[in-house]
Amino acid sequence: MDKEQVLKTFGKDTNDFGASSVQIGLLTLKIKSLTEHLKIHPKDISTQRGLKRKVELRKKLIKYLKAKNLDLFHKVVDFFKIRH
């Protein structure tokens, strides 16, 4: 999965980076990338800190999406297999 696929699936067009569903998708991609990096470099403290910040931001966006659009929330959570 890549950035363009997330934009096609959840965005209105290819420049729609503001939608919460797109932001959740892009954060999920970045979180997976950072997790793989930390498997190789477990003592990289700055990456651990950045990963925690991204996870918390995604958590806030998921909470917002759940309150605003429950159908889209379920679609996003199922698509990315996110625990909530």
N, C-alpha and C. Protein backbone atom coordinates (compact mmCIF):
# COMPACT_ATOMS: atom_id res chain seq x y z
N MET A 1 0.84 -1.16 0.00
CA MET A 1 0.00 0.00 0.00
C MET A 1 0.89 1.24 0.00
N ASP A 2 0.43 2.27 -0.67
CA ASP A 2 1.21 3.50 -0.73
C ASP A 2 0.29 4.70 -0.59
N LYS A 3 0.90 5.87 -0.62
CA LYS A 3 0.19 7.13 -0.40
C LYS A 3 -0.92 7.36 -1.43
N GLU A 4 -0.63 7.07 -2.70
CA GLU A 4 -1.62 7.30 -3.75
C GLU A 4 -2.86 6.43 -3.57
N GLN A 5 -2.65 5.19 -3.14
CA GLN A 5 -3.79 4.30 -2.93
C GLN A 5 -4.67 4.80 -1.79
N VAL A 6 -4.06 5.32 -0.73
CA VAL A 6 -4.82 5.88 0.39
C VAL A 6 -5.64 7.07 -0.09
N LEU A 7 -5.01 7.93 -0.90
CA LEU A 7 -5.72 9.10 -1.42
C LEU A 7 -6.88 8.70 -2.33
N LYS A 8 -6.69 7.69 -3.18
CA LYS A 8 -7.76 7.23 -4.06
C LYS A 8 -8.91 6.62 -3.28
N THR A 9 -8.59 5.87 -2.23
CA THR A 9 -9.61 5.15 -1.48
C THR A 9 -10.42 6.07 -0.58
N PHE A 10 -9.76 7.00 0.11
CA PHE A 10 -10.45 7.78 1.13
C PHE A 10 -10.57 9.26 0.82
N GLY A 11 -9.83 9.78 -0.15
CA GLY A 11 -9.89 11.20 -0.46
C GLY A 11 -10.91 11.51 -1.54
N LYS A 12 -11.29 12.77 -1.61
CA LYS A 12 -12.21 13.21 -2.66
C LYS A 12 -11.49 13.31 -4.00
N ASP A 13 -10.22 13.72 -3.94
CA ASP A 13 -9.37 13.75 -5.13
C ASP A 13 -7.93 13.49 -4.70
N THR A 14 -6.99 13.61 -5.62
CA THR A 14 -5.59 13.27 -5.30
C THR A 14 -4.89 14.33 -4.46
N ASN A 15 -5.53 15.47 -4.22
CA ASN A 15 -4.93 16.52 -3.40
C ASN A 15 -5.65 16.69 -2.07
N ASP A 16 -6.48 15.74 -1.69
CA ASP A 16 -7.28 15.85 -0.47
C ASP A 16 -6.52 15.24 0.71
N PHE A 17 -5.59 16.02 1.26
CA PHE A 17 -4.82 15.55 2.40
C PHE A 17 -5.46 15.96 3.72
N GLY A 18 -6.52 16.75 3.67
CA GLY A 18 -7.13 17.28 4.89
C GLY A 18 -8.17 16.38 5.51
N ALA A 19 -8.72 15.45 4.76
CA ALA A 19 -9.76 14.58 5.30
C ALA A 19 -9.17 13.72 6.42
N SER A 20 -9.93 13.56 7.48
CA SER A 20 -9.41 12.80 8.62
C SER A 20 -9.13 11.36 8.25
N SER A 21 -9.93 10.78 7.36
CA SER A 21 -9.69 9.40 6.94
C SER A 21 -8.37 9.27 6.18
N VAL A 22 -8.04 10.26 5.36
CA VAL A 22 -6.77 10.25 4.63
C VAL A 22 -5.62 10.43 5.61
N GLN A 23 -5.78 11.33 6.58
CA GLN A 23 -4.72 11.55 7.56
C GLN A 23 -4.47 10.29 8.38
N ILE A 24 -5.53 9.58 8.75
CA ILE A 24 -5.38 8.33 9.49
C ILE A 24 -4.62 7.31 8.64
N GLY A 25 -4.96 7.23 7.37
CA GLY A 25 -4.28 6.29 6.48
C GLY A 25 -2.82 6.61 6.32
N LEU A 26 -2.49 7.87 6.12
CA LEU A 26 -1.09 8.26 5.95
C LEU A 26 -0.29 8.06 7.24
N LEU A 27 -0.92 8.35 8.37
CA LEU A 27 -0.25 8.10 9.65
C LEU A 27 -0.01 6.61 9.86
N THR A 28 -0.97 5.79 9.44
CA THR A 28 -0.81 4.35 9.58
C THR A 28 0.36 3.84 8.76
N LEU A 29 0.52 4.36 7.55
CA LEU A 29 1.66 3.98 6.72
C LEU A 29 2.98 4.38 7.38
N LYS A 30 3.02 5.59 7.93
CA LYS A 30 4.23 6.07 8.59
C LYS A 30 4.52 5.26 9.85
N ILE A 31 3.48 4.90 10.61
CA ILE A 31 3.65 4.10 11.82
C ILE A 31 4.22 2.74 11.48
N LYS A 32 3.73 2.13 10.42
CA LYS A 32 4.26 0.82 10.02
C LYS A 32 5.72 0.94 9.61
N SER A 33 6.07 2.01 8.92
CA SER A 33 7.45 2.23 8.50
C SER A 33 8.37 2.41 9.71
N LEU A 34 7.94 3.22 10.67
CA LEU A 34 8.74 3.45 11.86
C LEU A 34 8.87 2.20 12.71
N THR A 35 7.83 1.39 12.75
CA THR A 35 7.88 0.13 13.50
C THR A 35 8.92 -0.81 12.91
N GLU A 36 8.95 -0.89 11.58
CA GLU A 36 9.96 -1.72 10.92
C GLU A 36 11.37 -1.20 11.20
N HIS A 37 11.53 0.12 11.19
CA HIS A 37 12.83 0.73 11.49
C HIS A 37 13.28 0.37 12.90
N LEU A 38 12.34 0.41 13.86
CA LEU A 38 12.70 0.13 15.25
C LEU A 38 13.00 -1.35 15.49
N LYS A 39 12.51 -2.23 14.63
CA LYS A 39 12.88 -3.64 14.76
C LYS A 39 14.36 -3.83 14.45
N ILE A 40 14.88 -3.02 13.53
CA ILE A 40 16.29 -3.10 13.16
C ILE A 40 17.16 -2.29 14.12
N HIS A 41 16.65 -1.13 14.55
CA HIS A 41 17.40 -0.21 15.42
C HIS A 41 16.62 0.02 16.72
N PRO A 42 16.64 -0.92 17.64
CA PRO A 42 15.80 -0.81 18.84
C PRO A 42 16.21 0.30 19.81
N LYS A 43 17.41 0.82 19.73
CA LYS A 43 17.85 1.85 20.66
C LYS A 43 17.70 3.27 20.11
N ASP A 44 17.01 3.43 19.01
CA ASP A 44 16.80 4.73 18.39
C ASP A 44 15.69 5.46 19.14
N ILE A 45 16.08 6.21 20.15
CA ILE A 45 15.12 6.84 21.05
C ILE A 45 14.30 7.92 20.35
N SER A 46 14.92 8.69 19.47
CA SER A 46 14.18 9.76 18.79
C SER A 46 13.09 9.19 17.88
N THR A 47 13.35 8.06 17.28
CA THR A 47 12.33 7.42 16.45
C THR A 47 11.21 6.87 17.32
N GLN A 48 11.55 6.36 18.49
CA GLN A 48 10.52 5.88 19.42
C GLN A 48 9.60 7.02 19.83
N ARG A 49 10.20 8.17 20.10
CA ARG A 49 9.41 9.34 20.49
C ARG A 49 8.49 9.78 19.34
N GLY A 50 9.03 9.82 18.13
CA GLY A 50 8.22 10.20 16.98
C GLY A 50 7.10 9.21 16.72
N LEU A 51 7.37 7.93 16.92
CA LEU A 51 6.34 6.90 16.74
C LEU A 51 5.21 7.09 17.75
N LYS A 52 5.57 7.37 18.99
CA LYS A 52 4.54 7.59 20.02
C LYS A 52 3.68 8.80 19.68
N ARG A 53 4.29 9.86 19.18
CA ARG A 53 3.52 11.06 18.80
C ARG A 53 2.55 10.76 17.67
N LYS A 54 3.00 9.99 16.69
CA LYS A 54 2.14 9.65 15.56
C LYS A 54 0.99 8.74 15.98
N VAL A 55 1.27 7.81 16.88
CA VAL A 55 0.21 6.92 17.37
C VAL A 55 -0.84 7.72 18.14
N GLU A 56 -0.40 8.67 18.96
CA GLU A 56 -1.35 9.49 19.72
C GLU A 56 -2.18 10.38 18.80
N LEU A 57 -1.55 10.95 17.78
CA LEU A 57 -2.28 11.78 16.83
C LEU A 57 -3.31 10.96 16.08
N ARG A 58 -2.92 9.75 15.65
CA ARG A 58 -3.87 8.87 14.96
C ARG A 58 -5.03 8.50 15.88
N LYS A 59 -4.72 8.28 17.14
CA LYS A 59 -5.76 7.94 18.12
C LYS A 59 -6.79 9.07 18.24
N LYS A 60 -6.31 10.32 18.28
CA LYS A 60 -7.20 11.47 18.34
C LYS A 60 -8.06 11.59 17.09
N LEU A 61 -7.45 11.36 15.93
CA LEU A 61 -8.19 11.45 14.67
C LEU A 61 -9.24 10.34 14.57
N ILE A 62 -8.91 9.15 15.07
CA ILE A 62 -9.88 8.05 15.05
C ILE A 62 -11.06 8.38 15.96
N LYS A 63 -10.78 8.96 17.11
CA LYS A 63 -11.85 9.35 18.03
C LYS A 63 -12.75 10.41 17.39
N TYR A 64 -12.14 11.38 16.70
CA TYR A 64 -12.90 12.41 16.00
C TYR A 64 -13.76 11.81 14.90
N LEU A 65 -13.18 10.91 14.11
CA LEU A 65 -13.91 10.31 13.00
C LEU A 65 -15.07 9.46 13.52
N LYS A 66 -14.87 8.79 14.63
CA LYS A 66 -15.93 7.97 15.21
C LYS A 66 -17.11 8.84 15.63
N ALA A 67 -16.82 10.02 16.14
CA ALA A 67 -17.89 10.93 16.58
C ALA A 67 -18.61 11.57 15.40
N LYS A 68 -17.90 11.83 14.30
CA LYS A 68 -18.49 12.56 13.18
C LYS A 68 -19.12 11.67 12.11
N ASN A 69 -18.48 10.54 11.79
CA ASN A 69 -18.97 9.71 10.68
C ASN A 69 -18.68 8.24 11.01
N LEU A 70 -19.64 7.57 11.61
CA LEU A 70 -19.45 6.21 12.11
C LEU A 70 -19.22 5.22 10.97
N ASP A 71 -19.90 5.39 9.85
CA ASP A 71 -19.72 4.47 8.72
C ASP A 71 -18.30 4.54 8.16
N LEU A 72 -17.81 5.75 7.96
CA LEU A 72 -16.44 5.93 7.46
C LEU A 72 -15.43 5.43 8.49
N PHE A 73 -15.73 5.63 9.76
CA PHE A 73 -14.87 5.13 10.83
C PHE A 73 -14.69 3.61 10.71
N HIS A 74 -15.80 2.89 10.55
CA HIS A 74 -15.72 1.44 10.43
C HIS A 74 -14.97 1.02 9.17
N LYS A 75 -15.17 1.76 8.09
CA LYS A 75 -14.47 1.45 6.84
C LYS A 75 -12.96 1.61 7.00
N VAL A 76 -12.53 2.70 7.63
CA VAL A 76 -11.11 2.97 7.82
C VAL A 76 -10.48 1.95 8.76
N VAL A 77 -11.15 1.66 9.87
CA VAL A 77 -10.60 0.73 10.86
C VAL A 77 -10.50 -0.67 10.27
N ASP A 78 -11.48 -1.08 9.51
CA ASP A 78 -11.43 -2.40 8.88
C ASP A 78 -10.37 -2.47 7.78
N PHE A 79 -10.24 -1.40 7.01
CA PHE A 79 -9.29 -1.38 5.89
C PHE A 79 -7.85 -1.48 6.40
N PHE A 80 -7.53 -0.73 7.46
CA PHE A 80 -6.17 -0.72 7.96
C PHE A 80 -5.95 -1.70 9.11
N LYS A 81 -7.01 -2.40 9.53
CA LYS A 81 -6.92 -3.37 10.63
C LYS A 81 -6.37 -2.71 11.89
N ILE A 82 -7.00 -1.60 12.27
CA ILE A 82 -6.59 -0.83 13.44
C ILE A 82 -7.46 -1.27 14.63
N ARG A 83 -6.80 -1.53 15.76
CA ARG A 83 -7.56 -1.81 16.98
C ARG A 83 -8.05 -0.48 17.52
N HIS A 84 -9.25 -0.47 18.05
CA HIS A 84 -9.79 0.77 18.61
C HIS A 84 -10.45 0.53 19.93
